[in-house]
Amino acid sequence: MHDASMLAELIRANQPCVALTGAGVSTESGIPDFRSAGGIWSSYDPYEVGSIDAFRRDPASASSRSA
């Protein structure tokens, strides 16, 4: 069986399926990355929103942010 066919069959047979990818895939799809000029960190301070202390202060805010 061809590798792509085998992969497709594995995905079909094992739902739900999650793929973890790098920033290049999301950027190509129009999803903002973190570090580019228009990325997420240009709108938010990573030390403020990306720390455990910030999460403990306001856990709801951590799950509601979007770029």
Protein backbone atom coordinates (compact mmCIF):
# COMPACT_ATOMS: atom_id res chain seq x y z
CA MET A 1 0.00 0.00 0.00
CA HIS A 2 1.27 3.50 -0.86
CA ASP A 3 2.31 5.64 2.14
CA ALA A 4 -0.34 8.32 1.48
CA SER A 5 -3.07 5.68 1.14
CA MET A 6 -1.94 4.03 4.36
CA LEU A 7 -1.97 7.37 6.18
CA ALA A 8 -5.44 8.18 4.86
CA GLU A 9 -6.73 4.81 6.03
CA LEU A 10 -5.19 5.26 9.49
CA ILE A 11 -6.83 8.68 9.82
CA ARG A 12 -10.23 7.34 8.69
CA ALA A 13 -10.02 4.42 11.11
CA ASN A 14 -8.86 6.43 14.12
CA GLN A 15 -11.20 9.36 14.68
CA PRO A 16 -10.90 11.88 16.13
CA CYS A 17 -7.47 12.64 14.74
CA VAL A 18 -5.24 15.62 15.57
CA ALA A 19 -2.25 16.84 13.57
CA LEU A 20 0.37 18.98 15.29
CA THR A 21 2.20 21.19 12.81
CA GLY A 22 4.65 24.04 12.81
CA ALA A 23 3.98 27.73 12.27
CA GLY A 24 4.60 27.47 8.53
CA VAL A 25 1.42 25.49 7.96
CA SER A 26 -0.78 27.92 9.87
CA THR A 27 0.83 30.98 8.29
CA GLU A 28 0.29 29.56 4.80
CA SER A 29 -3.37 29.04 5.76
CA GLY A 30 -3.80 32.66 6.88
CA ILE A 31 -3.66 31.95 10.62
CA PRO A 32 -1.39 34.47 12.35
CA ASP A 33 1.76 33.14 13.95
CA PHE A 34 3.33 34.49 17.12
CA ARG A 35 6.53 36.25 16.10
CA SER A 36 6.04 37.87 12.69
CA ALA A 37 5.37 41.61 12.32
CA GLY A 38 1.60 41.07 12.40
CA GLY A 39 1.74 38.09 14.71
CA ILE A 40 -0.06 37.54 17.99
CA TRP A 41 2.79 38.93 20.11
CA SER A 42 2.49 42.27 18.32
CA SER A 43 -0.91 42.66 20.03
CA TYR A 44 -0.18 41.05 23.41
CA ASP A 45 2.74 41.04 25.81
CA PRO A 46 3.87 37.39 25.88
CA TYR A 47 5.15 37.76 29.44
CA GLU A 48 1.73 38.97 30.54
CA VAL A 49 -0.51 36.50 28.70
CA GLY A 50 1.86 33.56 28.40
CA SER A 51 2.84 33.08 32.02
CA ILE A 52 1.39 30.90 34.74
CA ASP A 53 1.00 33.98 36.94
CA ALA A 54 -1.18 35.71 34.33
CA PHE A 55 -3.26 32.54 33.96
CA ARG A 56 -3.75 32.30 37.72
CA ARG A 57 -4.85 35.96 37.87
CA ASP A 58 -7.38 35.58 35.04
CA PRO A 59 -7.87 32.04 33.67
CA ALA A 60 -10.97 33.00 31.66
CA SER A 61 -9.02 35.65 29.78
CA ALA A 62 -6.43 33.08 28.69
CA SER A 63 -9.05 30.99 26.91
CA SER A 64 -10.91 33.92 25.31
CA ARG A 65 -8.04 35.78 23.57
CA SER A 66 -7.95 35.73 19.80
CA ALA A 67 -5.81 37.52 17.29
